[in-house]
Protein backbone atom coordinates (compact mmCIF):
# COMPACT_ATOMS: atom_id res chain seq x y z
CA UNK A 1 0.00 0.00 0.00
CA UNK A 2 1.34 3.41 -0.96
CA UNK A 3 2.46 5.62 1.94
CA UNK A 4 2.87 9.37 2.22
CA UNK A 5 4.43 11.77 4.70
CA UNK A 6 2.40 14.62 6.08
CA UNK A 7 1.34 16.44 9.20
CA UNK A 8 -1.72 16.85 11.34
CA UNK A 9 -2.29 20.16 13.10
CA UNK A 10 -4.41 19.87 16.23
CA UNK A 11 -5.83 22.71 18.32
CA UNK A 12 -7.10 21.64 21.72
CA UNK A 13 -9.79 24.04 22.91
CA UNK A 14 -11.19 21.74 25.62
CA UNK A 15 -8.51 20.34 27.93
CA UNK A 16 -11.03 17.81 29.25
CA UNK A 17 -10.58 15.98 25.92
CA UNK A 18 -6.81 15.52 26.22
CA UNK A 19 -7.13 11.95 27.56
CA UNK A 20 -9.31 10.93 24.59
CA UNK A 21 -6.90 12.67 22.21
CA UNK A 22 -3.83 10.92 23.68
CA UNK A 23 -5.58 7.54 23.65
CA UNK A 24 -6.38 7.90 19.96
CA UNK A 25 -2.84 9.04 19.11
CA UNK A 26 -1.52 6.01 20.98
CA UNK A 27 -3.75 3.69 18.95
CA UNK A 28 -2.25 5.14 15.77
CA UNK A 29 1.30 5.38 17.15
CA UNK A 30 2.66 3.23 14.31
CA UNK A 31 1.96 6.17 11.94
CA UNK A 32 3.56 8.86 14.10
CA UNK A 33 7.11 9.92 13.29
CA UNK A 34 7.18 12.88 15.68
CA UNK A 35 4.99 15.09 17.82
CA UNK A 36 5.36 18.60 19.24
CA UNK A 37 2.95 20.29 21.62
CA UNK A 38 2.91 23.95 22.57
CA UNK A 39 0.67 25.57 25.20
CA UNK A 40 -0.81 28.79 23.87
CA UNK A 41 -2.92 31.53 25.49
CA UNK A 42 -4.02 29.77 28.63
CA UNK A 43 -6.62 27.20 27.74
CA UNK A 44 -5.68 26.54 24.11
CA UNK A 45 -2.90 24.13 23.12
CA UNK A 46 -1.40 23.42 19.71
CA UNK A 47 -0.04 20.02 18.67
CA UNK A 48 1.68 19.10 15.42
CA UNK A 49 2.06 15.42 14.54
CA UNK A 50 4.31 14.26 11.69
CA UNK A 51 2.87 11.12 10.11
CA UNK A 52 3.71 8.44 7.57
CA UNK A 53 0.99 6.14 6.30
CA UNK A 54 -1.52 5.31 3.62
CA UNK A 55 -4.30 7.73 2.71
CA UNK A 56 -6.81 5.38 4.34
CA UNK A 57 -4.87 5.14 7.62
CA UNK A 58 -4.29 8.88 7.85
CA UNK A 59 -7.90 9.61 6.89
CA UNK A 60 -9.15 7.26 9.62
CA UNK A 61 -6.99 8.99 12.23
CA UNK A 62 -7.93 12.53 11.23
CA UNK A 63 -11.61 11.60 11.02
CA UNK A 64 -11.59 10.17 14.55
CA UNK A 65 -9.62 13.14 15.88
CA UNK A 66 -12.09 15.53 14.26
CA UNK A 67 -15.02 13.80 15.94
CA UNK A 68 -13.74 14.71 19.43
CA UNK A 69 -15.58 17.82 20.68
CA UNK A 70 -13.24 20.68 21.50
CA UNK A 71 -10.52 19.40 19.14
CA UNK A 72 -9.89 21.15 15.79
CA UNK A 73 -7.92 19.20 13.17
CA UNK A 74 -6.30 19.98 9.81
CA UNK A 75 -3.94 17.81 7.83
CA UNK A 76 -1.74 17.99 4.76
CA UNK A 77 0.03 15.22 2.90
CA UNK A 78 2.94 15.37 0.50
CA UNK A 79 2.34 14.22 -3.05
CA UNK A 80 5.51 12.11 -2.85
CA UNK A 81 4.76 8.39 -2.59
CA UNK A 82 7.21 6.50 -0.38
CA UNK A 83 8.54 3.45 -2.23
CA UNK A 84 7.55 0.15 -0.66
CA UNK A 85 10.33 -1.84 0.92
CA UNK A 86 10.84 -5.25 -0.73
CA UNK A 87 9.85 -8.29 1.29
CA UNK A 88 12.77 -10.29 2.62
CA UNK A 89 12.17 -13.78 1.29
PDB file of N, CA and C in Angstrom:
ATOM      1  N   UNK A   1       0.839  -1.176   0.000  1.00  0.00           N
ATOM      2  CA  UNK A   1       0.000   0.000   0.000  1.00  0.00           C
ATOM      3  C   UNK A   1       0.888   1.245   0.000  1.00  0.00           C
ATOM      4  N   UNK A   2       0.564   2.189  -0.830  1.00  0.00           N
ATOM      5  CA  UNK A   2       1.344   3.410  -0.964  1.00  0.00           C
ATOM      6  C   UNK A   2       1.255   4.261   0.302  1.00  0.00           C
ATOM      7  N   UNK A   3       2.415   4.783   0.748  1.00  0.00           N
ATOM      8  CA  UNK A   3       2.459   5.623   1.936  1.00  0.00           C
ATOM      9  C   UNK A   3       2.905   7.022   1.567  1.00  0.00           C
ATOM     10  N   UNK A   4       2.488   7.970   2.394  1.00  0.00           N
ATOM     11  CA  UNK A   4       2.869   9.371   2.222  1.00  0.00           C
ATOM     12  C   UNK A   4       3.301   9.946   3.564  1.00  0.00           C
ATOM     13  N   UNK A   5       4.050  11.037   3.495  1.00  0.00           N
ATOM     14  CA  UNK A   5       4.434  11.775   4.699  1.00  0.00           C
ATOM     15  C   UNK A   5       3.595  13.039   4.743  1.00  0.00           C
ATOM     16  N   UNK A   6       3.185  13.413   5.925  1.00  0.00           N
ATOM     17  CA  UNK A   6       2.401  14.624   6.082  1.00  0.00           C
ATOM     18  C   UNK A   6       2.391  15.073   7.525  1.00  0.00           C
ATOM     19  N   UNK A   7       1.473  15.979   7.816  1.00  0.00           N
ATOM     20  CA  UNK A   7       1.343  16.436   9.195  1.00  0.00           C
ATOM     21  C   UNK A   7      -0.130  16.637   9.535  1.00  0.00           C
ATOM     22  N   UNK A   8      -0.399  16.548  10.813  1.00  0.00           N
ATOM     23  CA  UNK A   8      -1.725  16.852  11.342  1.00  0.00           C
ATOM     24  C   UNK A   8      -1.543  17.975  12.349  1.00  0.00           C
ATOM     25  N   UNK A   9      -2.263  19.060  12.148  1.00  0.00           N
ATOM     26  CA  UNK A   9      -2.286  20.162  13.099  1.00  0.00           C
ATOM     27  C   UNK A   9      -3.514  20.016  13.977  1.00  0.00           C
ATOM     28  N   UNK A  10      -3.316  20.061  15.284  1.00  0.00           N
ATOM     29  CA  UNK A  10      -4.408  19.868  16.231  1.00  0.00           C
ATOM     30  C   UNK A  10      -4.452  21.064  17.180  1.00  0.00           C
ATOM     31  N   UNK A  11      -5.624  21.651  17.334  1.00  0.00           N
ATOM     32  CA  UNK A  11      -5.830  22.708  18.321  1.00  0.00           C
ATOM     33  C   UNK A  11      -6.778  22.158  19.378  1.00  0.00           C
ATOM     34  N   UNK A  12      -6.307  22.158  20.604  1.00  0.00           N
ATOM     35  CA  UNK A  12      -7.096  21.642  21.724  1.00  0.00           C
ATOM     36  C   UNK A  12      -7.746  22.832  22.424  1.00  0.00           C
ATOM     37  N   UNK A  13      -9.054  22.967  22.252  1.00  0.00           N
ATOM     38  CA  UNK A  13      -9.795  24.041  22.908  1.00  0.00           C
ATOM     39  C   UNK A  13     -10.382  23.593  24.247  1.00  0.00           C
ATOM     40  N   UNK A  14     -10.604  22.291  24.399  1.00  0.00           N
ATOM     41  CA  UNK A  14     -11.194  21.741  25.617  1.00  0.00           C
ATOM     42  C   UNK A  14     -10.211  20.754  26.237  1.00  0.00           C
ATOM     43  N   UNK A  15      -9.517  21.191  27.308  1.00  0.00           N
ATOM     44  CA  UNK A  15      -8.506  20.338  27.933  1.00  0.00           C
ATOM     45  C   UNK A  15      -9.097  19.075  28.539  1.00  0.00           C
ATOM     46  N   UNK A  16     -10.392  19.027  28.739  1.00  0.00           N
ATOM     47  CA  UNK A  16     -11.033  17.813  29.250  1.00  0.00           C
ATOM     48  C   UNK A  16     -10.974  16.680  28.228  1.00  0.00           C
ATOM     49  N   UNK A  17     -10.641  16.987  26.981  1.00  0.00           N
ATOM     50  CA  UNK A  17     -10.578  15.977  25.917  1.00  0.00           C
ATOM     51  C   UNK A  17      -9.166  15.455  25.667  1.00  0.00           C
ATOM     52  N   UNK A  18      -8.202  15.914  26.449  1.00  0.00           N
ATOM     53  CA  UNK A  18      -6.806  15.519  26.223  1.00  0.00           C
ATOM     54  C   UNK A  18      -6.615  14.014  26.385  1.00  0.00           C
ATOM     55  N   UNK A  19      -7.273  13.398  27.359  1.00  0.00           N
ATOM     56  CA  UNK A  19      -7.128  11.953  27.561  1.00  0.00           C
ATOM     57  C   UNK A  19      -7.621  11.185  26.333  1.00  0.00           C
ATOM     58  N   UNK A  20      -8.772  11.585  25.789  1.00  0.00           N
ATOM     59  CA  UNK A  20      -9.307  10.930  24.586  1.00  0.00           C
ATOM     60  C   UNK A  20      -8.373  11.142  23.403  1.00  0.00           C
ATOM     61  N   UNK A  21      -7.834  12.347  23.280  1.00  0.00           N
ATOM     62  CA  UNK A  21      -6.895  12.668  22.206  1.00  0.00           C
ATOM     63  C   UNK A  21      -5.644  11.793  22.305  1.00  0.00           C
ATOM     64  N   UNK A  22      -5.052  11.718  23.498  1.00  0.00           N
ATOM     65  CA  UNK A  22      -3.834  10.921  23.676  1.00  0.00           C
ATOM     66  C   UNK A  22      -4.085   9.435  23.461  1.00  0.00           C
ATOM     67  N   UNK A  23      -5.237   8.944  23.872  1.00  0.00           N
ATOM     68  CA  UNK A  23      -5.584   7.536  23.652  1.00  0.00           C
ATOM     69  C   UNK A  23      -5.634   7.218  22.158  1.00  0.00           C
ATOM     70  N   UNK A  24      -6.263   8.105  21.407  1.00  0.00           N
ATOM     71  CA  UNK A  24      -6.379   7.902  19.962  1.00  0.00           C
ATOM     72  C   UNK A  24      -5.013   7.975  19.281  1.00  0.00           C
ATOM     73  N   UNK A  25      -4.185   8.945  19.682  1.00  0.00           N
ATOM     74  CA  UNK A  25      -2.843   9.043  19.107  1.00  0.00           C
ATOM     75  C   UNK A  25      -2.018   7.799  19.446  1.00  0.00           C
ATOM     76  N   UNK A  26      -2.219   7.240  20.618  1.00  0.00           N
ATOM     77  CA  UNK A  26      -1.515   6.006  20.984  1.00  0.00           C
ATOM     78  C   UNK A  26      -1.949   4.840  20.109  1.00  0.00           C
ATOM     79  N   UNK A  27      -3.241   4.761  19.811  1.00  0.00           N
ATOM     80  CA  UNK A  27      -3.750   3.688  18.952  1.00  0.00           C
ATOM     81  C   UNK A  27      -3.129   3.747  17.556  1.00  0.00           C
ATOM     82  N   UNK A  28      -2.832   4.950  17.098  1.00  0.00           N
ATOM     83  CA  UNK A  28      -2.250   5.142  15.768  1.00  0.00           C
ATOM     84  C   UNK A  28      -0.759   5.466  15.850  1.00  0.00           C
ATOM     85  N   UNK A  29      -0.119   5.074  16.941  1.00  0.00           N
ATOM     86  CA  UNK A  29       1.297   5.379  17.154  1.00  0.00           C
ATOM     87  C   UNK A  29       2.215   4.863  16.065  1.00  0.00           C
ATOM     88  N   UNK A  30       1.820   3.780  15.390  1.00  0.00           N
ATOM     89  CA  UNK A  30       2.655   3.232  14.309  1.00  0.00           C
ATOM     90  C   UNK A  30       2.771   4.186  13.122  1.00  0.00           C
ATOM     91  N   UNK A  31       1.895   5.178  13.030  1.00  0.00           N
ATOM     92  CA  UNK A  31       1.956   6.168  11.944  1.00  0.00           C
ATOM     93  C   UNK A  31       2.778   7.396  12.323  1.00  0.00           C
ATOM     94  N   UNK A  32       2.987   7.609  13.613  1.00  0.00           N
ATOM     95  CA  UNK A  32       3.562   8.862  14.103  1.00  0.00           C
ATOM     96  C   UNK A  32       5.084   8.820  14.077  1.00  0.00           C
ATOM     97  N   UNK A  33       5.659   9.787  13.371  1.00  0.00           N
ATOM     98  CA  UNK A  33       7.113   9.921  13.295  1.00  0.00           C
ATOM     99  C   UNK A  33       7.618  10.908  14.350  1.00  0.00           C
ATOM    100  N   UNK A  34       6.794  11.869  14.697  1.00  0.00           N
ATOM    101  CA  UNK A  34       7.178  12.878  15.679  1.00  0.00           C
ATOM    102  C   UNK A  34       5.970  13.696  16.105  1.00  0.00           C
ATOM    103  N   UNK A  35       6.111  14.318  17.262  1.00  0.00           N
ATOM    104  CA  UNK A  35       4.995  15.094  17.824  1.00  0.00           C
ATOM    105  C   UNK A  35       5.563  16.249  18.628  1.00  0.00           C
ATOM    106  N   UNK A  36       4.945  17.435  18.477  1.00  0.00           N
ATOM    107  CA  UNK A  36       5.358  18.602  19.239  1.00  0.00           C
ATOM    108  C   UNK A  36       4.106  19.299  19.749  1.00  0.00           C
ATOM    109  N   UNK A  37       4.077  19.591  21.037  1.00  0.00           N
ATOM    110  CA  UNK A  37       2.949  20.294  21.620  1.00  0.00           C
ATOM    111  C   UNK A  37       3.398  21.595  22.245  1.00  0.00           C
ATOM    112  N   UNK A  38       2.580  22.630  22.052  1.00  0.00           N
ATOM    113  CA  UNK A  38       2.909  23.950  22.572  1.00  0.00           C
ATOM    114  C   UNK A  38       1.678  24.537  23.252  1.00  0.00           C
ATOM    115  N   UNK A  39       1.790  24.878  24.558  1.00  0.00           N
ATOM    116  CA  UNK A  39       0.674  25.569  25.199  1.00  0.00           C
ATOM    117  C   UNK A  39       0.578  26.989  24.650  1.00  0.00           C
ATOM    118  N   UNK A  40      -0.626  27.482  24.485  1.00  0.00           N
ATOM    119  CA  UNK A  40      -0.808  28.791  23.869  1.00  0.00           C
ATOM    120  C   UNK A  40      -2.008  29.491  24.489  1.00  0.00           C
ATOM    121  N   UNK A  41      -1.834  30.690  24.958  1.00  0.00           N
ATOM    122  CA  UNK A  41      -2.917  31.531  25.490  1.00  0.00           C
ATOM    123  C   UNK A  41      -3.817  30.818  26.495  1.00  0.00           C
ATOM    124  N   UNK A  42      -3.226  30.331  27.544  1.00  0.00           N
ATOM    125  CA  UNK A  42      -4.017  29.773  28.634  1.00  0.00           C
ATOM    126  C   UNK A  42      -4.646  28.436  28.348  1.00  0.00           C
ATOM    127  N   UNK A  43      -5.873  28.452  27.860  1.00  0.00           N
ATOM    128  CA  UNK A  43      -6.621  27.198  27.744  1.00  0.00           C
ATOM    129  C   UNK A  43      -6.485  26.516  26.385  1.00  0.00           C
ATOM    130  N   UNK A  44      -5.816  27.122  25.439  1.00  0.00           N
ATOM    131  CA  UNK A  44      -5.681  26.536  24.109  1.00  0.00           C
ATOM    132  C   UNK A  44      -4.273  25.978  23.942  1.00  0.00           C
ATOM    133  N   UNK A  45      -4.194  24.760  23.406  1.00  0.00           N
ATOM    134  CA  UNK A  45      -2.903  24.134  23.118  1.00  0.00           C
ATOM    135  C   UNK A  45      -2.833  23.766  21.645  1.00  0.00           C
ATOM    136  N   UNK A  46      -1.620  23.765  21.104  1.00  0.00           N
ATOM    137  CA  UNK A  46      -1.404  23.419  19.707  1.00  0.00           C
ATOM    138  C   UNK A  46      -0.468  22.212  19.650  1.00  0.00           C
ATOM    139  N   UNK A  47      -0.853  21.219  18.849  1.00  0.00           N
ATOM    140  CA  UNK A  47      -0.041  20.017  18.669  1.00  0.00           C
ATOM    141  C   UNK A  47       0.159  19.799  17.175  1.00  0.00           C
ATOM    142  N   UNK A  48       1.379  19.476  16.800  1.00  0.00           N
ATOM    143  CA  UNK A  48       1.681  19.104  15.418  1.00  0.00           C
ATOM    144  C   UNK A  48       2.231  17.681  15.432  1.00  0.00           C
ATOM    145  N   UNK A  49       1.650  16.816  14.611  1.00  0.00           N
ATOM    146  CA  UNK A  49       2.058  15.418  14.536  1.00  0.00           C
ATOM    147  C   UNK A  49       2.544  15.140  13.117  1.00  0.00           C
ATOM    148  N   UNK A  50       3.771  14.655  12.991  1.00  0.00           N
ATOM    149  CA  UNK A  50       4.314  14.258  11.694  1.00  0.00           C
ATOM    150  C   UNK A  50       3.965  12.787  11.497  1.00  0.00           C
ATOM    151  N   UNK A  51       3.383  12.459  10.345  1.00  0.00           N
ATOM    152  CA  UNK A  51       2.869  11.119  10.112  1.00  0.00           C
ATOM    153  C   UNK A  51       3.399  10.515   8.814  1.00  0.00           C
ATOM    154  N   UNK A  52       3.393   9.187   8.779  1.00  0.00           N
ATOM    155  CA  UNK A  52       3.713   8.439   7.570  1.00  0.00           C
ATOM    156  C   UNK A  52       2.743   7.266   7.503  1.00  0.00           C
ATOM    157  N   UNK A  53       1.940   7.228   6.449  1.00  0.00           N
ATOM    158  CA  UNK A  53       0.988   6.138   6.304  1.00  0.00           C
ATOM    159  C   UNK A  53       0.225   6.232   5.009  1.00  0.00           C
ATOM    160  N   UNK A  54      -0.683   5.297   4.821  1.00  0.00           N
ATOM    161  CA  UNK A  54      -1.521   5.313   3.623  1.00  0.00           C
ATOM    162  C   UNK A  54      -2.611   6.375   3.773  1.00  0.00           C
ATOM    163  N   UNK A  55      -3.203   6.759   2.666  1.00  0.00           N
ATOM    164  CA  UNK A  55      -4.296   7.731   2.711  1.00  0.00           C
ATOM    165  C   UNK A  55      -5.427   7.243   3.603  1.00  0.00           C
ATOM    166  N   UNK A  56      -5.727   5.942   3.534  1.00  0.00           N
ATOM    167  CA  UNK A  56      -6.806   5.382   4.345  1.00  0.00           C
ATOM    168  C   UNK A  56      -6.490   5.456   5.841  1.00  0.00           C
ATOM    169  N   UNK A  57      -5.258   5.103   6.204  1.00  0.00           N
ATOM    170  CA  UNK A  57      -4.867   5.138   7.615  1.00  0.00           C
ATOM    171  C   UNK A  57      -4.904   6.564   8.166  1.00  0.00           C
ATOM    172  N   UNK A  58      -4.348   7.489   7.411  1.00  0.00           N
ATOM    173  CA  UNK A  58      -4.292   8.879   7.855  1.00  0.00           C
ATOM    174  C   UNK A  58      -5.694   9.476   7.895  1.00  0.00           C
ATOM    175  N   UNK A  59      -6.519   9.141   6.908  1.00  0.00           N
ATOM    176  CA  UNK A  59      -7.901   9.612   6.895  1.00  0.00           C
ATOM    177  C   UNK A  59      -8.695   9.094   8.081  1.00  0.00           C
ATOM    178  N   UNK A  60      -8.464   7.832   8.456  1.00  0.00           N
ATOM    179  CA  UNK A  60      -9.151   7.261   9.617  1.00  0.00           C
ATOM    180  C   UNK A  60      -8.752   8.004  10.892  1.00  0.00           C
ATOM    181  N   UNK A  61      -7.465   8.269  11.043  1.00  0.00           N
ATOM    182  CA  UNK A  61      -6.991   8.987  12.228  1.00  0.00           C
ATOM    183  C   UNK A  61      -7.559  10.394  12.283  1.00  0.00           C
ATOM    184  N   UNK A  62      -7.445  11.147  11.202  1.00  0.00           N
ATOM    185  CA  UNK A  62      -7.929  12.530  11.234  1.00  0.00           C
ATOM    186  C   UNK A  62      -9.448  12.586  11.412  1.00  0.00           C
ATOM    187  N   UNK A  63     -10.165  11.634  10.844  1.00  0.00           N
ATOM    188  CA  UNK A  63     -11.612  11.596  11.025  1.00  0.00           C
ATOM    189  C   UNK A  63     -11.994  11.374  12.477  1.00  0.00           C
ATOM    190  N   UNK A  64     -11.305  10.443  13.138  1.00  0.00           N
ATOM    191  CA  UNK A  64     -11.590  10.174  14.550  1.00  0.00           C
ATOM    192  C   UNK A  64     -11.182  11.346  15.436  1.00  0.00           C
ATOM    193  N   UNK A  65     -10.037  11.960  15.115  1.00  0.00           N
ATOM    194  CA  UNK A  65      -9.623  13.136  15.880  1.00  0.00           C
ATOM    195  C   UNK A  65     -10.650  14.259  15.740  1.00  0.00           C
ATOM    196  N   UNK A  66     -11.123  14.464  14.526  1.00  0.00           N
ATOM    197  CA  UNK A  66     -12.087  15.533  14.261  1.00  0.00           C
ATOM    198  C   UNK A  66     -13.434  15.313  14.915  1.00  0.00           C
ATOM    199  N   UNK A  67     -13.733  14.075  15.303  1.00  0.00           N
ATOM    200  CA  UNK A  67     -15.017  13.796  15.940  1.00  0.00           C
ATOM    201  C   UNK A  67     -15.011  14.081  17.443  1.00  0.00           C
ATOM    202  N   UNK A  68     -13.832  14.384  18.004  1.00  0.00           N
ATOM    203  CA  UNK A  68     -13.736  14.711  19.426  1.00  0.00           C
ATOM    204  C   UNK A  68     -14.127  16.177  19.612  1.00  0.00           C
ATOM    205  N   UNK A  69     -15.142  16.432  20.433  1.00  0.00           N
ATOM    206  CA  UNK A  69     -15.577  17.820  20.679  1.00  0.00           C
ATOM    207  C   UNK A  69     -14.457  18.597  21.357  1.00  0.00           C
ATOM    208  N   UNK A  70     -14.273  19.831  20.918  1.00  0.00           N
ATOM    209  CA  UNK A  70     -13.242  20.679  21.496  1.00  0.00           C
ATOM    210  C   UNK A  70     -11.870  20.485  20.887  1.00  0.00           C
ATOM    211  N   UNK A  71     -11.781  19.655  19.834  1.00  0.00           N
ATOM    212  CA  UNK A  71     -10.517  19.405  19.136  1.00  0.00           C
ATOM    213  C   UNK A  71     -10.698  19.820  17.671  1.00  0.00           C
ATOM    214  N   UNK A  72      -9.860  20.731  17.195  1.00  0.00           N
ATOM    215  CA  UNK A  72      -9.887  21.148  15.789  1.00  0.00           C
ATOM    216  C   UNK A  72      -8.701  20.506  15.074  1.00  0.00           C
ATOM    217  N   UNK A  73      -8.947  19.975  13.874  1.00  0.00           N
ATOM    218  CA  UNK A  73      -7.918  19.204  13.167  1.00  0.00           C
ATOM    219  C   UNK A  73      -7.816  19.644  11.712  1.00  0.00           C
ATOM    220  N   UNK A  74      -6.587  19.769  11.233  1.00  0.00           N
ATOM    221  CA  UNK A  74      -6.305  19.984   9.808  1.00  0.00           C
ATOM    222  C   UNK A  74      -5.102  19.131   9.462  1.00  0.00           C
ATOM    223  N   UNK A  75      -5.077  18.636   8.240  1.00  0.00           N
ATOM    224  CA  UNK A  75      -3.935  17.814   7.829  1.00  0.00           C
ATOM    225  C   UNK A  75      -3.507  18.168   6.417  1.00  0.00           C
ATOM    226  N   UNK A  76      -2.278  17.820   6.116  1.00  0.00           N
ATOM    227  CA  UNK A  76      -1.739  17.988   4.760  1.00  0.00           C
ATOM    228  C   UNK A  76      -0.781  16.837   4.500  1.00  0.00           C
ATOM    229  N   UNK A  77      -0.841  16.316   3.287  1.00  0.00           N
ATOM    230  CA  UNK A  77       0.033  15.215   2.897  1.00  0.00           C
ATOM    231  C   UNK A  77       0.875  15.634   1.704  1.00  0.00           C
ATOM    232  N   UNK A  78       2.098  15.115   1.658  1.00  0.00           N
ATOM    233  CA  UNK A  78       2.936  15.372   0.495  1.00  0.00           C
ATOM    234  C   UNK A  78       2.400  14.564  -0.687  1.00  0.00           C
ATOM    235  N   UNK A  79       2.745  14.979  -1.864  1.00  0.00           N
ATOM    236  CA  UNK A  79       2.342  14.219  -3.047  1.00  0.00           C
ATOM    237  C   UNK A  79       3.347  13.102  -3.350  1.00  0.00           C
ATOM    238  N   UNK A  80       4.471  13.115  -2.648  1.00  0.00           N
ATOM    239  CA  UNK A  80       5.512  12.106  -2.851  1.00  0.00           C
ATOM    240  C   UNK A  80       5.068  10.776  -2.256  1.00  0.00           C
ATOM    241  N   UNK A  81       5.091   9.735  -3.067  1.00  0.00           N
ATOM    242  CA  UNK A  81       4.762   8.391  -2.592  1.00  0.00           C
ATOM    243  C   UNK A  81       6.041   7.707  -2.132  1.00  0.00           C
ATOM    244  N   UNK A  82       6.052   7.182  -0.934  1.00  0.00           N
ATOM    245  CA  UNK A  82       7.210   6.497  -0.383  1.00  0.00           C
ATOM    246  C   UNK A  82       7.284   5.111  -1.015  1.00  0.00           C
ATOM    247  N   UNK A  83       8.414   4.775  -1.625  1.00  0.00           N
ATOM    248  CA  UNK A  83       8.542   3.447  -2.235  1.00  0.00           C
ATOM    249  C   UNK A  83       8.394   2.347  -1.189  1.00  0.00           C
ATOM    250  N   UNK A  84       7.716   1.293  -1.558  1.00  0.00           N
ATOM    251  CA  UNK A  84       7.549   0.146  -0.658  1.00  0.00           C
ATOM    252  C   UNK A  84       8.868  -0.586  -0.527  1.00  0.00           C
ATOM    253  N   UNK A  85       9.135  -1.052   0.698  1.00  0.00           N
ATOM    254  CA  UNK A  85      10.330  -1.842   0.922  1.00  0.00           C
ATOM    255  C   UNK A  85      10.073  -3.269   0.435  1.00  0.00           C
ATOM    256  N   UNK A  86      11.047  -3.871  -0.247  1.00  0.00           N
ATOM    257  CA  UNK A  86      10.838  -5.246  -0.731  1.00  0.00           C
ATOM    258  C   UNK A  86      10.754  -6.225   0.440  1.00  0.00           C
ATOM    259  N   UNK A  87       9.950  -7.245   0.274  1.00  0.00           N
ATOM    260  CA  UNK A  87       9.851  -8.289   1.286  1.00  0.00           C
ATOM    261  C   UNK A  87      11.129  -9.113   1.299  1.00  0.00           C
ATOM    262  N   UNK A  88      11.590  -9.418   2.498  1.00  0.00           N
ATOM    263  CA  UNK A  88      12.773 -10.292   2.623  1.00  0.00           C
ATOM    264  C   UNK A  88      12.314 -11.729   2.564  1.00  0.00           C
ATOM    265  N   UNK A  89      12.613 -12.390   1.470  1.00  0.00           N
ATOM    266  CA  UNK A  89      12.173 -13.775   1.286  1.00  0.00           C
ATOM    267  C   UNK A  89      13.315 -14.725   1.432  1.00  0.00           C
TER     268      UNK A  89
END
